[in-house]
Amino acid sequence: MKKWMILVSVVVIFSGCATKYKSVGFTGGYSETQLGNNIFNVSFRGNGYSSRQRASDFTLLRSAELTLKNGFKYFIITSSEKHIDLYSTPKSYTTNGNINGSSFNATTTQTGGFTFRKPSTNHTIICFKEKPKINTIIYDANFIVKSIKSKYDIK
């Protein structure tokens, strides 16, 4: 019973700890690679408390920020990949028993064995100074930054 109380406490403490919007680190984050003057590969890796939507939104936000940082206003996504990596904690079993006269009573307890889903999203983007006249979704970088930062209350 004591182990379950500790486990519940840990889960409650960390339940609000989805990966923050930051450069990649131990708990996840964004990263990018410049592939050309106006071409970038942008990724976001979440932790076990991040939703797929959060990973997707933060990849889009970083794409918009890179667009603006490099003097562009618009971008398109030329390829996109979404993954869910599964990680499980190891299981362990403990058996405790009591002998009372001629009877034996035993209890086995399992700890661990929890599975975490870690979402990640990867985009390759092409940036433009002027809105291109092409038949695809064209993202306005300023609008994306304002919209997603507002959604997640990012300063």
N, C-alpha and C. Protein backbone atom coordinates (compact mmCIF):
# COMPACT_ATOMS: atom_id res chain seq x y z
N MET A 1 0.82 -1.19 0.00
CA MET A 1 0.00 0.00 0.00
C MET A 1 0.87 1.26 0.00
N LYS A 2 1.96 1.23 0.77
CA LYS A 2 2.85 2.38 0.85
C LYS A 2 3.48 2.68 -0.51
N LYS A 3 3.87 1.62 -1.25
CA LYS A 3 4.47 1.80 -2.58
C LYS A 3 3.48 2.45 -3.54
N TRP A 4 2.22 2.06 -3.45
CA TRP A 4 1.20 2.65 -4.32
C TRP A 4 1.00 4.13 -4.01
N MET A 5 1.06 4.50 -2.75
CA MET A 5 0.90 5.90 -2.36
C MET A 5 2.05 6.74 -2.91
N ILE A 6 3.25 6.18 -2.84
CA ILE A 6 4.42 6.88 -3.39
C ILE A 6 4.28 7.01 -4.90
N LEU A 7 3.86 5.94 -5.57
CA LEU A 7 3.68 5.97 -7.02
C LEU A 7 2.63 7.00 -7.42
N VAL A 8 1.50 7.02 -6.73
CA VAL A 8 0.45 8.00 -7.03
C VAL A 8 0.96 9.41 -6.82
N SER A 9 1.73 9.64 -5.78
CA SER A 9 2.30 10.96 -5.51
C SER A 9 3.23 11.41 -6.62
N VAL A 10 4.08 10.50 -7.09
CA VAL A 10 5.01 10.82 -8.18
C VAL A 10 4.24 11.15 -9.45
N VAL A 11 3.22 10.35 -9.77
CA VAL A 11 2.42 10.60 -10.97
C VAL A 11 1.73 11.96 -10.88
N VAL A 12 1.18 12.30 -9.74
CA VAL A 12 0.51 13.59 -9.57
C VAL A 12 1.50 14.74 -9.74
N ILE A 13 2.68 14.61 -9.15
CA ILE A 13 3.69 15.66 -9.24
C ILE A 13 4.11 15.89 -10.68
N PHE A 14 4.30 14.80 -11.44
CA PHE A 14 4.81 14.93 -12.80
C PHE A 14 3.73 14.99 -13.87
N SER A 15 2.46 14.93 -13.50
CA SER A 15 1.39 14.89 -14.50
C SER A 15 1.33 16.15 -15.35
N GLY A 16 1.77 17.26 -14.84
CA GLY A 16 1.74 18.50 -15.61
C GLY A 16 3.07 18.81 -16.25
N CYS A 17 3.93 17.82 -16.43
CA CYS A 17 5.29 18.07 -16.88
C CYS A 17 5.52 17.70 -18.34
N ALA A 18 4.59 18.06 -19.21
CA ALA A 18 4.81 17.82 -20.63
C ALA A 18 6.01 18.66 -21.07
N THR A 19 6.69 18.21 -22.11
CA THR A 19 7.87 18.90 -22.59
C THR A 19 7.54 20.36 -22.90
N LYS A 20 8.37 21.24 -22.39
CA LYS A 20 8.20 22.68 -22.61
C LYS A 20 8.76 23.03 -23.99
N TYR A 21 8.40 24.22 -24.47
CA TYR A 21 8.93 24.70 -25.74
C TYR A 21 10.33 25.23 -25.49
N LYS A 22 11.32 24.41 -25.89
CA LYS A 22 12.72 24.76 -25.67
C LYS A 22 13.58 23.92 -26.61
N SER A 23 14.85 24.29 -26.68
CA SER A 23 15.79 23.51 -27.46
C SER A 23 15.91 22.11 -26.87
N VAL A 24 16.21 21.14 -27.69
CA VAL A 24 16.22 19.74 -27.26
C VAL A 24 17.17 19.51 -26.09
N GLY A 25 16.70 18.72 -25.14
CA GLY A 25 17.46 18.35 -23.96
C GLY A 25 17.01 16.98 -23.50
N PHE A 26 17.27 16.68 -22.24
CA PHE A 26 16.96 15.37 -21.68
C PHE A 26 15.47 15.02 -21.79
N THR A 27 14.59 16.00 -21.58
CA THR A 27 13.14 15.74 -21.60
C THR A 27 12.51 16.05 -22.95
N GLY A 28 13.32 16.24 -23.99
CA GLY A 28 12.79 16.52 -25.32
C GLY A 28 12.98 17.98 -25.68
N GLY A 29 12.33 18.40 -26.76
CA GLY A 29 12.44 19.77 -27.24
C GLY A 29 12.60 19.80 -28.75
N TYR A 30 12.88 21.01 -29.27
CA TYR A 30 13.00 21.16 -30.71
C TYR A 30 14.46 21.18 -31.15
N SER A 31 14.65 20.85 -32.42
CA SER A 31 15.97 20.96 -33.06
C SER A 31 15.74 21.21 -34.54
N GLU A 32 16.76 21.74 -35.18
CA GLU A 32 16.65 22.00 -36.61
C GLU A 32 17.99 21.86 -37.29
N THR A 33 17.93 21.62 -38.60
CA THR A 33 19.11 21.56 -39.45
C THR A 33 18.81 22.36 -40.69
N GLN A 34 19.70 23.29 -41.03
CA GLN A 34 19.51 24.06 -42.26
C GLN A 34 20.06 23.23 -43.42
N LEU A 35 19.20 23.01 -44.42
CA LEU A 35 19.57 22.18 -45.57
C LEU A 35 19.89 23.00 -46.81
N GLY A 36 19.55 24.27 -46.80
CA GLY A 36 19.79 25.19 -47.90
C GLY A 36 19.50 26.59 -47.41
N ASN A 37 19.65 27.59 -48.29
CA ASN A 37 19.40 28.97 -47.89
C ASN A 37 18.02 29.15 -47.28
N ASN A 38 17.03 28.49 -47.83
CA ASN A 38 15.65 28.65 -47.36
C ASN A 38 14.96 27.31 -47.05
N ILE A 39 15.76 26.28 -46.77
CA ILE A 39 15.22 24.95 -46.50
C ILE A 39 15.73 24.47 -45.14
N PHE A 40 14.79 23.97 -44.33
CA PHE A 40 15.13 23.51 -42.98
C PHE A 40 14.43 22.19 -42.68
N ASN A 41 15.10 21.38 -41.89
CA ASN A 41 14.48 20.20 -41.30
C ASN A 41 14.26 20.56 -39.83
N VAL A 42 13.01 20.47 -39.37
CA VAL A 42 12.64 20.90 -38.02
C VAL A 42 11.98 19.73 -37.29
N SER A 43 12.42 19.50 -36.05
CA SER A 43 11.88 18.39 -35.26
C SER A 43 11.50 18.84 -33.87
N PHE A 44 10.53 18.14 -33.31
CA PHE A 44 10.20 18.31 -31.89
C PHE A 44 9.97 16.92 -31.32
N ARG A 45 10.63 16.65 -30.20
CA ARG A 45 10.49 15.37 -29.50
C ARG A 45 9.89 15.64 -28.13
N GLY A 46 8.74 15.04 -27.85
CA GLY A 46 8.08 15.20 -26.56
C GLY A 46 8.50 14.12 -25.59
N ASN A 47 8.11 14.30 -24.33
CA ASN A 47 8.35 13.27 -23.33
C ASN A 47 7.08 12.45 -23.12
N GLY A 48 7.06 11.60 -22.12
CA GLY A 48 5.92 10.72 -21.88
C GLY A 48 4.64 11.43 -21.47
N TYR A 49 4.73 12.72 -21.18
CA TYR A 49 3.54 13.49 -20.77
C TYR A 49 3.08 14.44 -21.87
N SER A 50 3.73 14.41 -23.03
CA SER A 50 3.37 15.29 -24.14
C SER A 50 2.36 14.61 -25.06
N SER A 51 1.41 15.38 -25.54
CA SER A 51 0.44 14.85 -26.50
C SER A 51 1.01 14.93 -27.91
N ARG A 52 0.40 14.18 -28.82
CA ARG A 52 0.78 14.25 -30.24
C ARG A 52 0.53 15.66 -30.78
N GLN A 53 -0.59 16.26 -30.34
CA GLN A 53 -0.94 17.60 -30.80
C GLN A 53 0.12 18.61 -30.37
N ARG A 54 0.61 18.49 -29.14
CA ARG A 54 1.63 19.41 -28.64
C ARG A 54 2.91 19.29 -29.47
N ALA A 55 3.33 18.07 -29.77
CA ALA A 55 4.53 17.86 -30.59
C ALA A 55 4.35 18.47 -31.97
N SER A 56 3.18 18.28 -32.55
CA SER A 56 2.90 18.83 -33.88
C SER A 56 2.89 20.36 -33.85
N ASP A 57 2.21 20.93 -32.85
CA ASP A 57 2.14 22.39 -32.73
C ASP A 57 3.52 23.00 -32.52
N PHE A 58 4.35 22.38 -31.68
CA PHE A 58 5.67 22.95 -31.39
C PHE A 58 6.62 22.82 -32.58
N THR A 59 6.44 21.80 -33.41
CA THR A 59 7.23 21.70 -34.64
C THR A 59 6.82 22.82 -35.59
N LEU A 60 5.53 23.07 -35.67
CA LEU A 60 5.02 24.16 -36.51
C LEU A 60 5.51 25.52 -36.00
N LEU A 61 5.48 25.71 -34.68
CA LEU A 61 5.96 26.97 -34.09
C LEU A 61 7.43 27.19 -34.39
N ARG A 62 8.24 26.17 -34.20
CA ARG A 62 9.68 26.33 -34.48
C ARG A 62 9.91 26.60 -35.97
N SER A 63 9.12 25.99 -36.83
CA SER A 63 9.23 26.25 -38.27
C SER A 63 8.95 27.72 -38.56
N ALA A 64 7.92 28.27 -37.94
CA ALA A 64 7.57 29.68 -38.14
C ALA A 64 8.65 30.60 -37.59
N GLU A 65 9.18 30.28 -36.43
CA GLU A 65 10.25 31.11 -35.86
C GLU A 65 11.50 31.11 -36.74
N LEU A 66 11.87 29.96 -37.27
CA LEU A 66 13.04 29.88 -38.16
C LEU A 66 12.81 30.68 -39.43
N THR A 67 11.57 30.62 -39.93
CA THR A 67 11.22 31.38 -41.13
C THR A 67 11.49 32.86 -40.90
N LEU A 68 10.96 33.39 -39.79
CA LEU A 68 11.13 34.82 -39.48
C LEU A 68 12.57 35.17 -39.16
N LYS A 69 13.24 34.32 -38.41
CA LYS A 69 14.64 34.56 -38.00
C LYS A 69 15.55 34.69 -39.21
N ASN A 70 15.21 34.01 -40.29
CA ASN A 70 16.05 34.02 -41.49
C ASN A 70 15.56 34.99 -42.56
N GLY A 71 14.68 35.92 -42.18
CA GLY A 71 14.26 36.97 -43.10
C GLY A 71 13.14 36.61 -44.05
N PHE A 72 12.41 35.54 -43.78
CA PHE A 72 11.31 35.12 -44.63
C PHE A 72 9.97 35.38 -43.92
N LYS A 73 8.87 35.30 -44.69
CA LYS A 73 7.53 35.54 -44.12
C LYS A 73 6.62 34.32 -44.19
N TYR A 74 6.85 33.46 -45.15
CA TYR A 74 5.96 32.33 -45.40
C TYR A 74 6.78 31.04 -45.49
N PHE A 75 6.10 29.92 -45.26
CA PHE A 75 6.75 28.63 -45.46
C PHE A 75 5.72 27.59 -45.86
N ILE A 76 6.23 26.54 -46.51
CA ILE A 76 5.40 25.37 -46.82
C ILE A 76 6.10 24.15 -46.23
N ILE A 77 5.33 23.14 -45.93
CA ILE A 77 5.87 21.87 -45.43
C ILE A 77 5.93 20.92 -46.61
N THR A 78 7.14 20.47 -46.94
CA THR A 78 7.30 19.58 -48.10
C THR A 78 7.25 18.11 -47.70
N SER A 79 7.60 17.81 -46.46
CA SER A 79 7.44 16.45 -45.95
C SER A 79 7.23 16.51 -44.44
N SER A 80 6.50 15.53 -43.95
CA SER A 80 6.17 15.51 -42.53
C SER A 80 6.12 14.06 -42.04
N GLU A 81 6.71 13.83 -40.88
CA GLU A 81 6.69 12.50 -40.26
C GLU A 81 6.28 12.65 -38.81
N LYS A 82 5.44 11.72 -38.35
CA LYS A 82 5.03 11.70 -36.96
C LYS A 82 5.30 10.31 -36.42
N HIS A 83 5.87 10.26 -35.21
CA HIS A 83 6.21 8.98 -34.58
C HIS A 83 5.72 8.97 -33.15
N ILE A 84 5.47 7.79 -32.65
CA ILE A 84 5.23 7.56 -31.23
C ILE A 84 6.23 6.49 -30.80
N ASP A 85 7.18 6.87 -29.96
CA ASP A 85 8.12 5.90 -29.41
C ASP A 85 7.57 5.39 -28.09
N LEU A 86 7.61 4.09 -27.89
CA LEU A 86 7.11 3.49 -26.65
C LEU A 86 8.28 3.08 -25.76
N TYR A 87 8.20 3.47 -24.50
CA TYR A 87 9.20 3.10 -23.51
C TYR A 87 8.49 2.49 -22.32
N SER A 88 9.00 1.38 -21.84
CA SER A 88 8.40 0.72 -20.68
C SER A 88 9.42 0.64 -19.55
N THR A 89 8.94 0.86 -18.34
CA THR A 89 9.80 0.70 -17.17
C THR A 89 9.89 -0.79 -16.86
N PRO A 90 11.01 -1.24 -16.31
CA PRO A 90 11.14 -2.67 -16.01
C PRO A 90 10.19 -3.10 -14.89
N LYS A 91 9.77 -4.34 -14.99
CA LYS A 91 8.92 -4.91 -13.95
C LYS A 91 9.79 -5.60 -12.91
N SER A 92 9.35 -5.54 -11.66
CA SER A 92 10.00 -6.34 -10.63
C SER A 92 8.91 -6.87 -9.71
N TYR A 93 9.18 -8.01 -9.14
CA TYR A 93 8.22 -8.68 -8.28
C TYR A 93 8.85 -8.91 -6.91
N THR A 94 8.06 -8.71 -5.87
CA THR A 94 8.49 -8.97 -4.50
C THR A 94 7.46 -9.88 -3.85
N THR A 95 7.94 -10.95 -3.24
CA THR A 95 7.04 -11.86 -2.54
C THR A 95 7.41 -11.85 -1.06
N ASN A 96 6.42 -11.61 -0.23
CA ASN A 96 6.58 -11.66 1.22
C ASN A 96 5.65 -12.74 1.76
N GLY A 97 6.14 -13.48 2.74
CA GLY A 97 5.30 -14.54 3.30
C GLY A 97 5.41 -14.62 4.81
N ASN A 98 4.40 -15.21 5.40
CA ASN A 98 4.35 -15.44 6.84
C ASN A 98 4.04 -16.90 7.11
N ILE A 99 4.73 -17.46 8.08
CA ILE A 99 4.42 -18.81 8.54
C ILE A 99 3.78 -18.67 9.91
N ASN A 100 2.58 -19.22 10.03
CA ASN A 100 1.85 -19.18 11.29
C ASN A 100 1.44 -20.61 11.63
N GLY A 101 2.23 -21.21 12.48
CA GLY A 101 1.94 -22.62 12.82
C GLY A 101 2.17 -23.50 11.62
N SER A 102 1.09 -24.15 11.14
CA SER A 102 1.20 -25.05 9.99
C SER A 102 0.71 -24.41 8.70
N SER A 103 0.38 -23.11 8.74
CA SER A 103 -0.09 -22.45 7.50
C SER A 103 0.93 -21.42 7.01
N PHE A 104 0.91 -21.22 5.72
CA PHE A 104 1.81 -20.25 5.07
C PHE A 104 0.98 -19.30 4.24
N ASN A 105 1.22 -18.00 4.38
CA ASN A 105 0.50 -16.97 3.64
C ASN A 105 1.52 -16.12 2.91
N ALA A 106 1.37 -15.94 1.58
CA ALA A 106 2.33 -15.16 0.80
C ALA A 106 1.60 -14.15 -0.08
N THR A 107 2.25 -13.01 -0.29
CA THR A 107 1.72 -11.97 -1.18
C THR A 107 2.83 -11.55 -2.13
N THR A 108 2.52 -11.51 -3.43
CA THR A 108 3.48 -11.05 -4.43
C THR A 108 3.01 -9.70 -4.96
N THR A 109 3.94 -8.75 -5.01
CA THR A 109 3.63 -7.40 -5.48
C THR A 109 4.49 -7.08 -6.69
N GLN A 110 3.87 -6.52 -7.72
CA GLN A 110 4.60 -6.09 -8.91
C GLN A 110 4.80 -4.59 -8.86
N THR A 111 5.99 -4.13 -9.21
CA THR A 111 6.25 -2.70 -9.39
C THR A 111 6.81 -2.50 -10.79
N GLY A 112 6.62 -1.31 -11.33
CA GLY A 112 7.11 -1.02 -12.67
C GLY A 112 6.17 -1.56 -13.73
N GLY A 113 6.69 -1.65 -14.94
CA GLY A 113 5.90 -2.15 -16.05
C GLY A 113 5.00 -1.09 -16.66
N PHE A 114 5.33 0.19 -16.45
CA PHE A 114 4.52 1.27 -17.01
C PHE A 114 5.04 1.61 -18.40
N THR A 115 4.14 1.89 -19.32
CA THR A 115 4.53 2.25 -20.68
C THR A 115 4.26 3.73 -20.91
N PHE A 116 5.26 4.42 -21.45
CA PHE A 116 5.14 5.84 -21.79
C PHE A 116 5.21 5.99 -23.29
N ARG A 117 4.39 6.85 -23.82
CA ARG A 117 4.38 7.15 -25.25
C ARG A 117 5.02 8.52 -25.44
N LYS A 118 6.07 8.57 -26.27
CA LYS A 118 6.78 9.82 -26.52
C LYS A 118 6.59 10.21 -27.98
N PRO A 119 5.79 11.26 -28.23
CA PRO A 119 5.53 11.67 -29.61
C PRO A 119 6.67 12.52 -30.17
N SER A 120 6.88 12.42 -31.45
CA SER A 120 7.82 13.31 -32.13
C SER A 120 7.28 13.62 -33.52
N THR A 121 7.62 14.81 -33.98
CA THR A 121 7.19 15.26 -35.30
C THR A 121 8.40 15.86 -36.02
N ASN A 122 8.48 15.64 -37.32
CA ASN A 122 9.59 16.13 -38.13
C ASN A 122 9.02 16.74 -39.41
N HIS A 123 9.43 17.97 -39.73
CA HIS A 123 9.00 18.63 -40.97
C HIS A 123 10.22 19.09 -41.76
N THR A 124 10.12 19.00 -43.06
CA THR A 124 11.06 19.71 -43.93
C THR A 124 10.26 20.87 -44.52
N ILE A 125 10.81 22.09 -44.35
CA ILE A 125 10.10 23.28 -44.82
C ILE A 125 10.93 24.05 -45.83
N ILE A 126 10.22 24.78 -46.69
CA ILE A 126 10.85 25.73 -47.59
C ILE A 126 10.25 27.09 -47.26
N CYS A 127 11.11 28.09 -47.08
CA CYS A 127 10.69 29.45 -46.69
C CYS A 127 10.69 30.38 -47.89
N PHE A 128 9.80 31.39 -47.83
CA PHE A 128 9.65 32.36 -48.92
C PHE A 128 9.52 33.76 -48.35
N LYS A 129 10.06 34.76 -49.08
CA LYS A 129 9.91 36.16 -48.69
C LYS A 129 8.54 36.69 -49.10
N GLU A 130 8.05 36.27 -50.23
CA GLU A 130 6.73 36.65 -50.73
C GLU A 130 5.85 35.41 -50.77
N LYS A 131 4.56 35.60 -50.67
CA LYS A 131 3.63 34.48 -50.70
C LYS A 131 3.69 33.81 -52.08
N PRO A 132 4.10 32.53 -52.12
CA PRO A 132 4.24 31.87 -53.43
C PRO A 132 2.87 31.55 -54.04
N LYS A 133 2.84 31.49 -55.35
CA LYS A 133 1.61 31.15 -56.07
C LYS A 133 1.69 29.69 -56.46
N ILE A 134 1.51 28.83 -55.46
CA ILE A 134 1.55 27.39 -55.66
C ILE A 134 0.32 26.78 -55.01
N ASN A 135 -0.05 25.61 -55.47
CA ASN A 135 -1.26 24.95 -54.99
C ASN A 135 -0.95 24.01 -53.83
N THR A 136 -0.70 24.60 -52.65
CA THR A 136 -0.45 23.83 -51.43
C THR A 136 -0.75 24.74 -50.24
N ILE A 137 -0.71 24.21 -49.05
CA ILE A 137 -0.93 25.04 -47.87
C ILE A 137 0.29 25.92 -47.65
N ILE A 138 0.05 27.21 -47.55
CA ILE A 138 1.11 28.19 -47.32
C ILE A 138 0.89 28.78 -45.93
N TYR A 139 1.89 28.67 -45.07
CA TYR A 139 1.78 29.17 -43.70
C TYR A 139 2.35 30.57 -43.59
N ASP A 140 1.60 31.46 -42.94
CA ASP A 140 2.07 32.80 -42.62
C ASP A 140 2.79 32.68 -41.28
N ALA A 141 4.10 32.88 -41.27
CA ALA A 141 4.91 32.64 -40.08
C ALA A 141 4.49 33.51 -38.90
N ASN A 142 4.20 34.79 -39.13
CA ASN A 142 3.78 35.67 -38.04
C ASN A 142 2.49 35.17 -37.41
N PHE A 143 1.54 34.76 -38.22
CA PHE A 143 0.26 34.27 -37.71
C PHE A 143 0.45 33.00 -36.88
N ILE A 144 1.28 32.08 -37.36
CA ILE A 144 1.53 30.82 -36.65
C ILE A 144 2.17 31.09 -35.29
N VAL A 145 3.16 31.97 -35.24
CA VAL A 145 3.84 32.28 -33.97
C VAL A 145 2.83 32.83 -32.96
N LYS A 146 2.05 33.80 -33.37
CA LYS A 146 1.06 34.41 -32.46
C LYS A 146 0.02 33.38 -32.00
N SER A 147 -0.47 32.59 -32.92
CA SER A 147 -1.52 31.62 -32.63
C SER A 147 -1.06 30.54 -31.65
N ILE A 148 0.07 29.91 -31.92
CA ILE A 148 0.53 28.81 -31.08
C ILE A 148 1.06 29.31 -29.74
N LYS A 149 1.75 30.44 -29.74
CA LYS A 149 2.22 30.99 -28.45
C LYS A 149 1.03 31.35 -27.57
N SER A 150 -0.03 31.86 -28.16
CA SER A 150 -1.24 32.17 -27.40
C SER A 150 -1.88 30.89 -26.86
N LYS A 151 -1.97 29.87 -27.68
CA LYS A 151 -2.60 28.60 -27.29
C LYS A 151 -1.92 27.98 -26.08
N TYR A 152 -0.58 28.05 -26.01
CA TYR A 152 0.17 27.42 -24.93
C TYR A 152 0.71 28.43 -23.90
N ASP A 153 0.28 29.69 -24.03
CA ASP A 153 0.69 30.76 -23.11
C ASP A 153 2.21 30.84 -23.01
N ILE A 154 2.86 30.89 -24.18
CA ILE A 154 4.32 31.01 -24.27
C ILE A 154 4.65 32.49 -24.46
N LYS A 155 5.55 32.99 -23.65
CA LYS A 155 5.94 34.40 -23.72
C LYS A 155 7.00 34.62 -24.75
